[in-house]
Amino acid sequence: PEATRADVLRVHAEDYVARVEAASRGEYVPDAEAFG
């Protein structure tokens, strides 16, 4: 099964995951490079 968002948050920060999600939807993330 796909890992859930909760699974990912066991290791990763909420603000980082939110930016991955936004970028994946094609949204502009102004500070994307600060998050790699």
PDB file of all heavy atoms in Angstrom:
ATOM      1  N   PRO A   1       0.836  -1.199   0.000  1.00  0.00           N
ATOM      2  CA  PRO A   1       0.000   0.000   0.000  1.00  0.00           C
ATOM      3  C   PRO A   1       0.871   1.249   0.000  1.00  0.00           C
ATOM      4  O   PRO A   1       2.039   1.207   0.412  1.00  0.00           O
ATOM      5  CB  PRO A   1      -0.782  -0.114   1.313  1.00  0.00           C
ATOM      6  CG  PRO A   1       0.123  -0.905   2.214  1.00  0.00           C
ATOM      7  CD  PRO A   1       0.847  -1.878   1.310  1.00  0.00           C
ATOM      8  N   GLU A   2       0.316   2.351  -0.478  1.00  0.00           N
ATOM      9  CA  GLU A   2       1.025   3.624  -0.368  1.00  0.00           C
ATOM     10  C   GLU A   2       1.218   3.976   1.097  1.00  0.00           C
ATOM     11  O   GLU A   2       0.361   3.703   1.938  1.00  0.00           O
ATOM     12  CB  GLU A   2       0.216   4.741  -1.025  1.00  0.00           C
ATOM     13  CG  GLU A   2       0.063   4.631  -2.513  1.00  0.00           C
ATOM     14  CD  GLU A   2      -0.835   5.741  -3.050  1.00  0.00           C
ATOM     15  OE1 GLU A   2      -0.947   6.808  -2.387  1.00  0.00           O
ATOM     16  OE2 GLU A   2      -1.440   5.541  -4.119  1.00  0.00           O
ATOM     17  N   ALA A   3       2.342   4.595   1.396  1.00  0.00           N
ATOM     18  CA  ALA A   3       2.506   5.173   2.725  1.00  0.00           C
ATOM     19  C   ALA A   3       1.499   6.309   2.887  1.00  0.00           C
ATOM     20  O   ALA A   3       1.229   7.055   1.945  1.00  0.00           O
ATOM     21  CB  ALA A   3       3.924   5.689   2.901  1.00  0.00           C
ATOM     22  N   THR A   4       0.946   6.427   4.060  1.00  0.00           N
ATOM     23  CA  THR A   4      -0.001   7.509   4.332  1.00  0.00           C
ATOM     24  C   THR A   4       0.748   8.790   4.683  1.00  0.00           C
ATOM     25  O   THR A   4       1.959   8.776   4.956  1.00  0.00           O
ATOM     26  CB  THR A   4      -0.929   7.139   5.493  1.00  0.00           C
ATOM     27  OG1 THR A   4      -0.136   7.045   6.701  1.00  0.00           O
ATOM     28  CG2 THR A   4      -1.625   5.801   5.241  1.00  0.00           C
ATOM     29  N   ARG A   5       0.018   9.868   4.722  1.00  0.00           N
ATOM     30  CA  ARG A   5       0.621  11.134   5.150  1.00  0.00           C
ATOM     31  C   ARG A   5       1.136  11.015   6.581  1.00  0.00           C
ATOM     32  O   ARG A   5       2.204  11.515   6.923  1.00  0.00           O
ATOM     33  CB  ARG A   5      -0.415  12.250   5.044  1.00  0.00           C
ATOM     34  CG  ARG A   5       0.156  13.664   5.143  1.00  0.00           C
ATOM     35  CD  ARG A   5      -0.937  14.695   4.886  1.00  0.00           C
ATOM     36  NE  ARG A   5      -0.370  16.001   4.582  1.00  0.00           N
ATOM     37  CZ  ARG A   5      -0.098  16.918   5.504  1.00  0.00           C
ATOM     38  NH1 ARG A   5      -0.328  16.657   6.788  1.00  0.00           N
ATOM     39  NH2 ARG A   5       0.395  18.093   5.146  1.00  0.00           N
ATOM     40  N   ALA A   6       0.372  10.314   7.423  1.00  0.00           N
ATOM     41  CA  ALA A   6       0.799  10.119   8.813  1.00  0.00           C
ATOM     42  C   ALA A   6       2.090   9.322   8.882  1.00  0.00           C
ATOM     43  O   ALA A   6       2.959   9.594   9.727  1.00  0.00           O
ATOM     44  CB  ALA A   6      -0.306   9.422   9.607  1.00  0.00           C
ATOM     45  N   ASP A   7       2.246   8.337   7.994  1.00  0.00           N
ATOM     46  CA  ASP A   7       3.495   7.571   7.953  1.00  0.00           C
ATOM     47  C   ASP A   7       4.680   8.488   7.649  1.00  0.00           C
ATOM     48  O   ASP A   7       5.725   8.410   8.301  1.00  0.00           O
ATOM     49  CB  ASP A   7       3.428   6.482   6.875  1.00  0.00           C
ATOM     50  CG  ASP A   7       2.439   5.371   7.177  1.00  0.00           C
ATOM     51  OD1 ASP A   7       2.211   5.064   8.360  1.00  0.00           O
ATOM     52  OD2 ASP A   7       1.901   4.809   6.197  1.00  0.00           O
ATOM     53  N   VAL A   8       4.500   9.339   6.656  1.00  0.00           N
ATOM     54  CA  VAL A   8       5.576  10.242   6.250  1.00  0.00           C
ATOM     55  C   VAL A   8       5.921  11.216   7.380  1.00  0.00           C
ATOM     56  O   VAL A   8       7.096  11.531   7.629  1.00  0.00           O
ATOM     57  CB  VAL A   8       5.187  10.992   4.965  1.00  0.00           C
ATOM     58  CG1 VAL A   8       6.217  12.066   4.612  1.00  0.00           C
ATOM     59  CG2 VAL A   8       5.034  10.010   3.804  1.00  0.00           C
ATOM     60  N   LEU A   9       4.910  11.665   8.111  1.00  0.00           N
ATOM     61  CA  LEU A   9       5.124  12.624   9.193  1.00  0.00           C
ATOM     62  C   LEU A   9       5.803  12.009  10.414  1.00  0.00           C
ATOM     63  O   LEU A   9       6.185  12.740  11.331  1.00  0.00           O
ATOM     64  CB  LEU A   9       3.797  13.262   9.605  1.00  0.00           C
ATOM     65  CG  LEU A   9       3.185  14.216   8.566  1.00  0.00           C
ATOM     66  CD1 LEU A   9       1.788  14.654   8.999  1.00  0.00           C
ATOM     67  CD2 LEU A   9       4.079  15.438   8.359  1.00  0.00           C
ATOM     68  N   ARG A  10       5.993  10.707  10.448  1.00  0.00           N
ATOM     69  CA  ARG A  10       6.767  10.107  11.530  1.00  0.00           C
ATOM     70  C   ARG A  10       8.228  10.526  11.450  1.00  0.00           C
ATOM     71  O   ARG A  10       8.965  10.435  12.428  1.00  0.00           O
ATOM     72  CB  ARG A  10       6.673   8.571  11.475  1.00  0.00           C
ATOM     73  CG  ARG A  10       5.343   8.003  11.807  1.00  0.00           C
ATOM     74  CD  ARG A  10       5.005   8.184  13.297  1.00  0.00           C
ATOM     75  NE  ARG A  10       5.849   7.357  14.145  1.00  0.00           N
ATOM     76  CZ  ARG A  10       6.637   7.816  15.119  1.00  0.00           C
ATOM     77  NH1 ARG A  10       6.704   9.117  15.359  1.00  0.00           N
ATOM     78  NH2 ARG A  10       7.361   7.001  15.846  1.00  0.00           N
ATOM     79  N   VAL A  11       8.644  11.006  10.268  1.00  0.00           N
ATOM     80  CA  VAL A  11      10.034  11.413  10.058  1.00  0.00           C
ATOM     81  C   VAL A  11      10.128  12.847   9.561  1.00  0.00           C
ATOM     82  O   VAL A  11      11.025  13.592   9.950  1.00  0.00           O
ATOM     83  CB  VAL A  11      10.720  10.449   9.059  1.00  0.00           C
ATOM     84  CG1 VAL A  11      11.976  11.054   8.461  1.00  0.00           C
ATOM     85  CG2 VAL A  11      11.048   9.125   9.738  1.00  0.00           C
ATOM     86  N   HIS A  12       9.198  13.256   8.695  1.00  0.00           N
ATOM     87  CA  HIS A  12       9.324  14.544   8.027  1.00  0.00           C
ATOM     88  C   HIS A  12       8.451  15.621   8.661  1.00  0.00           C
ATOM     89  O   HIS A  12       7.378  15.330   9.210  1.00  0.00           O
ATOM     90  CB  HIS A  12       8.981  14.394   6.545  1.00  0.00           C
ATOM     91  CG  HIS A  12       9.979  13.583   5.795  1.00  0.00           C
ATOM     92  ND1 HIS A  12      11.223  14.065   5.466  1.00  0.00           N
ATOM     93  CD2 HIS A  12       9.923  12.310   5.319  1.00  0.00           C
ATOM     94  CE1 HIS A  12      11.894  13.129   4.823  1.00  0.00           C
ATOM     95  NE2 HIS A  12      11.134  12.051   4.725  1.00  0.00           N
ATOM     96  N   ALA A  13       8.912  16.872   8.526  1.00  0.00           N
ATOM     97  CA  ALA A  13       8.208  18.019   9.101  1.00  0.00           C
ATOM     98  C   ALA A  13       6.954  18.348   8.296  1.00  0.00           C
ATOM     99  O   ALA A  13       6.940  18.239   7.065  1.00  0.00           O
ATOM    100  CB  ALA A  13       9.144  19.226   9.130  1.00  0.00           C
ATOM    101  N   GLU A  14       5.938  18.793   9.003  1.00  0.00           N
ATOM    102  CA  GLU A  14       4.655  19.134   8.385  1.00  0.00           C
ATOM    103  C   GLU A  14       4.808  20.195   7.307  1.00  0.00           C
ATOM    104  O   GLU A  14       4.228  20.076   6.219  1.00  0.00           O
ATOM    105  CB  GLU A  14       3.687  19.621   9.463  1.00  0.00           C
ATOM    106  CG  GLU A  14       2.446  20.351   8.964  1.00  0.00           C
ATOM    107  CD  GLU A  14       1.431  19.424   8.310  1.00  0.00           C
ATOM    108  OE1 GLU A  14       1.281  18.290   8.782  1.00  0.00           O
ATOM    109  OE2 GLU A  14       0.789  19.852   7.328  1.00  0.00           O
ATOM    110  N   ASP A  15       5.588  21.255   7.582  1.00  0.00           N
ATOM    111  CA  ASP A  15       5.705  22.323   6.579  1.00  0.00           C
ATOM    112  C   ASP A  15       6.425  21.843   5.324  1.00  0.00           C
ATOM    113  O   ASP A  15       6.139  22.309   4.211  1.00  0.00           O
ATOM    114  CB  ASP A  15       6.375  23.567   7.159  1.00  0.00           C
ATOM    115  CG  ASP A  15       7.747  23.303   7.763  1.00  0.00           C
ATOM    116  OD1 ASP A  15       8.131  22.122   7.901  1.00  0.00           O
ATOM    117  OD2 ASP A  15       8.441  24.287   8.106  1.00  0.00           O
ATOM    118  N   TYR A  16       7.336  20.906   5.474  1.00  0.00           N
ATOM    119  CA  TYR A  16       8.003  20.340   4.302  1.00  0.00           C
ATOM    120  C   TYR A  16       7.042  19.486   3.487  1.00  0.00           C
ATOM    121  O   TYR A  16       6.948  19.633   2.261  1.00  0.00           O
ATOM    122  CB  TYR A  16       9.212  19.508   4.736  1.00  0.00           C
ATOM    123  CG  TYR A  16       9.818  18.694   3.611  1.00  0.00           C
ATOM    124  CD1 TYR A  16      10.374  19.317   2.500  1.00  0.00           C
ATOM    125  CD2 TYR A  16       9.814  17.302   3.649  1.00  0.00           C
ATOM    126  CE1 TYR A  16      10.927  18.573   1.468  1.00  0.00           C
ATOM    127  CE2 TYR A  16      10.366  16.549   2.625  1.00  0.00           C
ATOM    128  CZ  TYR A  16      10.912  17.184   1.532  1.00  0.00           C
ATOM    129  OH  TYR A  16      11.441  16.455   0.507  1.00  0.00           O
ATOM    130  N   VAL A  17       6.320  18.592   4.138  1.00  0.00           N
ATOM    131  CA  VAL A  17       5.379  17.718   3.430  1.00  0.00           C
ATOM    132  C   VAL A  17       4.326  18.551   2.708  1.00  0.00           C
ATOM    133  O   VAL A  17       3.956  18.253   1.561  1.00  0.00           O
ATOM    134  CB  VAL A  17       4.726  16.721   4.412  1.00  0.00           C
ATOM    135  CG1 VAL A  17       3.632  15.906   3.715  1.00  0.00           C
ATOM    136  CG2 VAL A  17       5.778  15.790   4.999  1.00  0.00           C
ATOM    137  N   ALA A  18       3.856  19.610   3.355  1.00  0.00           N
ATOM    138  CA  ALA A  18       2.860  20.480   2.717  1.00  0.00           C
ATOM    139  C   ALA A  18       3.407  21.097   1.431  1.00  0.00           C
ATOM    140  O   ALA A  18       2.672  21.238   0.438  1.00  0.00           O
ATOM    141  CB  ALA A  18       2.433  21.575   3.690  1.00  0.00           C
ATOM    142  N   ARG A  19       4.662  21.440   1.402  1.00  0.00           N
ATOM    143  CA  ARG A  19       5.257  22.024   0.200  1.00  0.00           C
ATOM    144  C   ARG A  19       5.439  20.975  -0.887  1.00  0.00           C
ATOM    145  O   ARG A  19       5.261  21.266  -2.078  1.00  0.00           O
ATOM    146  CB  ARG A  19       6.575  22.706   0.552  1.00  0.00           C
ATOM    147  CG  ARG A  19       6.342  24.065   1.200  1.00  0.00           C
ATOM    148  CD  ARG A  19       7.565  24.597   1.911  1.00  0.00           C
ATOM    149  NE  ARG A  19       7.338  25.953   2.406  1.00  0.00           N
ATOM    150  CZ  ARG A  19       6.662  26.246   3.508  1.00  0.00           C
ATOM    151  NH1 ARG A  19       6.103  25.283   4.234  1.00  0.00           N
ATOM    152  NH2 ARG A  19       6.504  27.498   3.896  1.00  0.00           N
ATOM    153  N   VAL A  20       5.809  19.750  -0.510  1.00  0.00           N
ATOM    154  CA  VAL A  20       5.887  18.678  -1.507  1.00  0.00           C
ATOM    155  C   VAL A  20       4.514  18.465  -2.136  1.00  0.00           C
ATOM    156  O   VAL A  20       4.380  18.334  -3.368  1.00  0.00           O
ATOM    157  CB  VAL A  20       6.400  17.371  -0.875  1.00  0.00           C
ATOM    158  CG1 VAL A  20       6.320  16.222  -1.886  1.00  0.00           C
ATOM    159  CG2 VAL A  20       7.831  17.532  -0.371  1.00  0.00           C
ATOM    160  N   GLU A  21       3.489  18.449  -1.314  1.00  0.00           N
ATOM    161  CA  GLU A  21       2.125  18.241  -1.815  1.00  0.00           C
ATOM    162  C   GLU A  21       1.699  19.369  -2.750  1.00  0.00           C
ATOM    163  O   GLU A  21       1.116  19.119  -3.817  1.00  0.00           O
ATOM    164  CB  GLU A  21       1.154  18.127  -0.634  1.00  0.00           C
ATOM    165  CG  GLU A  21       1.363  16.872   0.207  1.00  0.00           C
ATOM    166  CD  GLU A  21       0.592  16.900   1.506  1.00  0.00           C
ATOM    167  OE1 GLU A  21       0.317  18.011   2.021  1.00  0.00           O
ATOM    168  OE2 GLU A  21       0.273  15.816   2.027  1.00  0.00           O
ATOM    169  N   ALA A  22       1.986  20.594  -2.352  1.00  0.00           N
ATOM    170  CA  ALA A  22       1.590  21.738  -3.179  1.00  0.00           C
ATOM    171  C   ALA A  22       2.330  21.726  -4.519  1.00  0.00           C
ATOM    172  O   ALA A  22       1.729  21.925  -5.577  1.00  0.00           O
ATOM    173  CB  ALA A  22       1.864  23.041  -2.425  1.00  0.00           C
ATOM    174  N   ALA A  23       3.626  21.476  -4.472  1.00  0.00           N
ATOM    175  CA  ALA A  23       4.405  21.424  -5.714  1.00  0.00           C
ATOM    176  C   ALA A  23       3.915  20.299  -6.613  1.00  0.00           C
ATOM    177  O   ALA A  23       3.879  20.437  -7.843  1.00  0.00           O
ATOM    178  CB  ALA A  23       5.885  21.241  -5.385  1.00  0.00           C
ATOM    179  N   SER A  24       3.502  19.186  -6.011  1.00  0.00           N
ATOM    180  CA  SER A  24       3.013  18.043  -6.784  1.00  0.00           C
ATOM    181  C   SER A  24       1.710  18.351  -7.506  1.00  0.00           C
ATOM    182  O   SER A  24       1.409  17.743  -8.538  1.00  0.00           O
ATOM    183  CB  SER A  24       2.805  16.841  -5.849  1.00  0.00           C
ATOM    184  OG  SER A  24       4.017  16.474  -5.222  1.00  0.00           O
ATOM    185  N   ARG A  25       0.948  19.295  -6.956  1.00  0.00           N
ATOM    186  CA  ARG A  25      -0.317  19.721  -7.594  1.00  0.00           C
ATOM    187  C   ARG A  25      -0.088  20.813  -8.630  1.00  0.00           C
ATOM    188  O   ARG A  25      -1.039  21.292  -9.251  1.00  0.00           O
ATOM    189  CB  ARG A  25      -1.295  20.229  -6.533  1.00  0.00           C
ATOM    190  CG  ARG A  25      -1.768  19.169  -5.549  1.00  0.00           C
ATOM    191  CD  ARG A  25      -2.911  19.709  -4.687  1.00  0.00           C
ATOM    192  NE  ARG A  25      -2.491  20.800  -3.835  1.00  0.00           N
ATOM    193  CZ  ARG A  25      -2.086  20.684  -2.559  1.00  0.00           C
ATOM    194  NH1 ARG A  25      -2.034  19.469  -2.006  1.00  0.00           N
ATOM    195  NH2 ARG A  25      -1.732  21.727  -1.845  1.00  0.00           N
ATOM    196  N   GLY A  26       1.163  21.202  -8.830  1.00  0.00           N
ATOM    197  CA  GLY A  26       1.465  22.239  -9.802  1.00  0.00           C
ATOM    198  C   GLY A  26       1.354  23.643  -9.258  1.00  0.00           C
ATOM    199  O   GLY A  26       1.427  24.608 -10.021  1.00  0.00           O
ATOM    200  N   GLU A  27       1.204  23.780  -7.949  1.00  0.00           N
ATOM    201  CA  GLU A  27       1.108  25.112  -7.345  1.00  0.00           C
ATOM    202  C   GLU A  27       2.497  25.740  -7.223  1.00  0.00           C
ATOM    203  O   GLU A  27       3.504  25.045  -7.072  1.00  0.00           O
ATOM    204  CB  GLU A  27       0.459  25.010  -5.958  1.00  0.00           C
ATOM    205  CG  GLU A  27      -0.966  24.468  -5.984  1.00  0.00           C
ATOM    206  CD  GLU A  27      -1.538  24.260  -4.585  1.00  0.00           C
ATOM    207  OE1 GLU A  27      -0.954  24.794  -3.622  1.00  0.00           O
ATOM    208  OE2 GLU A  27      -2.550  23.547  -4.464  1.00  0.00           O
ATOM    209  N   TYR A  28       2.525  27.048  -7.275  1.00  0.00           N
ATOM    210  CA  TYR A  28       3.783  27.765  -7.104  1.00  0.00           C
ATOM    211  C   TYR A  28       4.169  27.769  -5.632  1.00  0.00           C
ATOM    212  O   TYR A  28       3.372  28.159  -4.765  1.00  0.00           O
ATOM    213  CB  TYR A  28       3.652  29.207  -7.616  1.00  0.00           C
ATOM    214  CG  TYR A  28       4.863  30.061  -7.346  1.00  0.00           C
ATOM    215  CD1 TYR A  28       6.106  29.732  -7.900  1.00  0.00           C
ATOM    216  CD2 TYR A  28       4.765  31.190  -6.534  1.00  0.00           C
ATOM    217  CE1 TYR A  28       7.221  30.511  -7.649  1.00  0.00           C
ATOM    218  CE2 TYR A  28       5.878  31.981  -6.285  1.00  0.00           C
ATOM    219  CZ  TYR A  28       7.111  31.632  -6.842  1.00  0.00           C
ATOM    220  OH  TYR A  28       8.208  32.397  -6.593  1.00  0.00           O
ATOM    221  N   VAL A  29       5.365  27.318  -5.331  1.00  0.00           N
ATOM    222  CA  VAL A  29       5.871  27.294  -3.956  1.00  0.00           C
ATOM    223  C   VAL A  29       7.063  28.246  -3.915  1.00  0.00           C
ATOM    224  O   VAL A  29       8.166  27.897  -4.365  1.00  0.00           O
ATOM    225  CB  VAL A  29       6.293  25.866  -3.544  1.00  0.00           C
ATOM    226  CG1 VAL A  29       6.835  25.855  -2.113  1.00  0.00           C
ATOM    227  CG2 VAL A  29       5.132  24.890  -3.688  1.00  0.00           C
ATOM    228  N   PRO A  30       6.879  29.474  -3.398  1.00  0.00           N
ATOM    229  CA  PRO A  30       7.927  30.496  -3.512  1.00  0.00           C
ATOM    230  C   PRO A  30       9.232  30.138  -2.808  1.00  0.00           C
ATOM    231  O   PRO A  30      10.306  30.572  -3.237  1.00  0.00           O
ATOM    232  CB  PRO A  30       7.285  31.741  -2.886  1.00  0.00           C
ATOM    233  CG  PRO A  30       6.153  31.233  -2.058  1.00  0.00           C
ATOM    234  CD  PRO A  30       5.667  29.999  -2.738  1.00  0.00           C
ATOM    235  N   ASP A  31       9.163  29.358  -1.734  1.00  0.00           N
ATOM    236  CA  ASP A  31      10.374  29.012  -1.003  1.00  0.00           C
ATOM    237  C   ASP A  31      10.783  27.557  -1.241  1.00  0.00           C
ATOM    238  O   ASP A  31      11.406  26.914  -0.395  1.00  0.00           O
ATOM    239  CB  ASP A  31      10.203  29.270   0.494  1.00  0.00           C
ATOM    240  CG  ASP A  31       8.983  28.555   1.080  1.00  0.00           C
ATOM    241  OD1 ASP A  31       8.224  27.931   0.316  1.00  0.00           O
ATOM    242  OD2 ASP A  31       8.804  28.625   2.317  1.00  0.00           O
ATOM    243  N   ALA A  32      10.424  27.025  -2.409  1.00  0.00           N
ATOM    244  CA  ALA A  32      10.678  25.607  -2.696  1.00  0.00           C
ATOM    245  C   ALA A  32      12.155  25.247  -2.539  1.00  0.00           C
ATOM    246  O   ALA A  32      12.498  24.211  -1.951  1.00  0.00           O
ATOM    247  CB  ALA A  32      10.209  25.264  -4.110  1.00  0.00           C
ATOM    248  N   GLU A  33      13.046  26.113  -3.038  1.00  0.00           N
ATOM    249  CA  GLU A  33      14.470  25.769  -2.995  1.00  0.00           C
ATOM    250  C   GLU A  33      14.992  25.680  -1.570  1.00  0.00           C
ATOM    251  O   GLU A  33      15.920  24.916  -1.291  1.00  0.00           O
ATOM    252  CB  GLU A  33      15.282  26.774  -3.803  1.00  0.00           C
ATOM    253  CG  GLU A  33      15.083  26.632  -5.309  1.00  0.00           C
ATOM    254  CD  GLU A  33      16.125  27.400  -6.102  1.00  0.00           C
ATOM    255  OE1 GLU A  33      17.229  27.649  -5.560  1.00  0.00           O
ATOM    256  OE2 GLU A  33      15.841  27.748  -7.255  1.00  0.00           O
ATOM    257  N   ALA A  34      14.398  26.427  -0.648  1.00  0.00           N
ATOM    258  CA  ALA A  34      14.811  26.341   0.755  1.00  0.00           C
ATOM    259  C   ALA A  34      14.515  24.964   1.332  1.00  0.00           C
ATOM    260  O   ALA A  34      15.124  24.568   2.328  1.00  0.00           O
ATOM    261  CB  ALA A  34      14.115  27.423   1.580  1.00  0.00           C
ATOM    262  N   PHE A  35      13.599  24.242   0.705  1.00  0.00           N
ATOM    263  CA  PHE A  35      13.241  22.895   1.139  1.00  0.00           C
ATOM    264  C   PHE A  35      13.817  21.833   0.202  1.00  0.00           C
ATOM    265  O   PHE A  35      13.387  20.683   0.234  1.00  0.00           O
ATOM    266  CB  PHE A  35      11.722  22.765   1.233  1.00  0.00           C
ATOM    267  CG  PHE A  35      11.128  23.557   2.369  1.00  0.00           C
ATOM    268  CD1 PHE A  35      10.826  24.898   2.215  1.00  0.00           C
ATOM    269  CD2 PHE A  35      10.894  22.961   3.603  1.00  0.00           C
ATOM    270  CE1 PHE A  35      10.288  25.640   3.262  1.00  0.00           C
ATOM    271  CE2 PHE A  35      10.366  23.687   4.654  1.00  0.00           C
ATOM    272  CZ  PHE A  35      10.060  25.028   4.491  1.00  0.00           C
ATOM    273  N   GLY A  36      14.773  22.238  -0.641  1.00  0.00           N
ATOM    274  CA  GLY A  36      15.438  21.302  -1.534  1.00  0.00           C
ATOM    275  C   GLY A  36      14.638  20.906  -2.753  1.00  0.00           C
ATOM    276  O   GLY A  36      15.031  19.984  -3.477  1.00  0.00           O
TER     277      GLY A  36
END
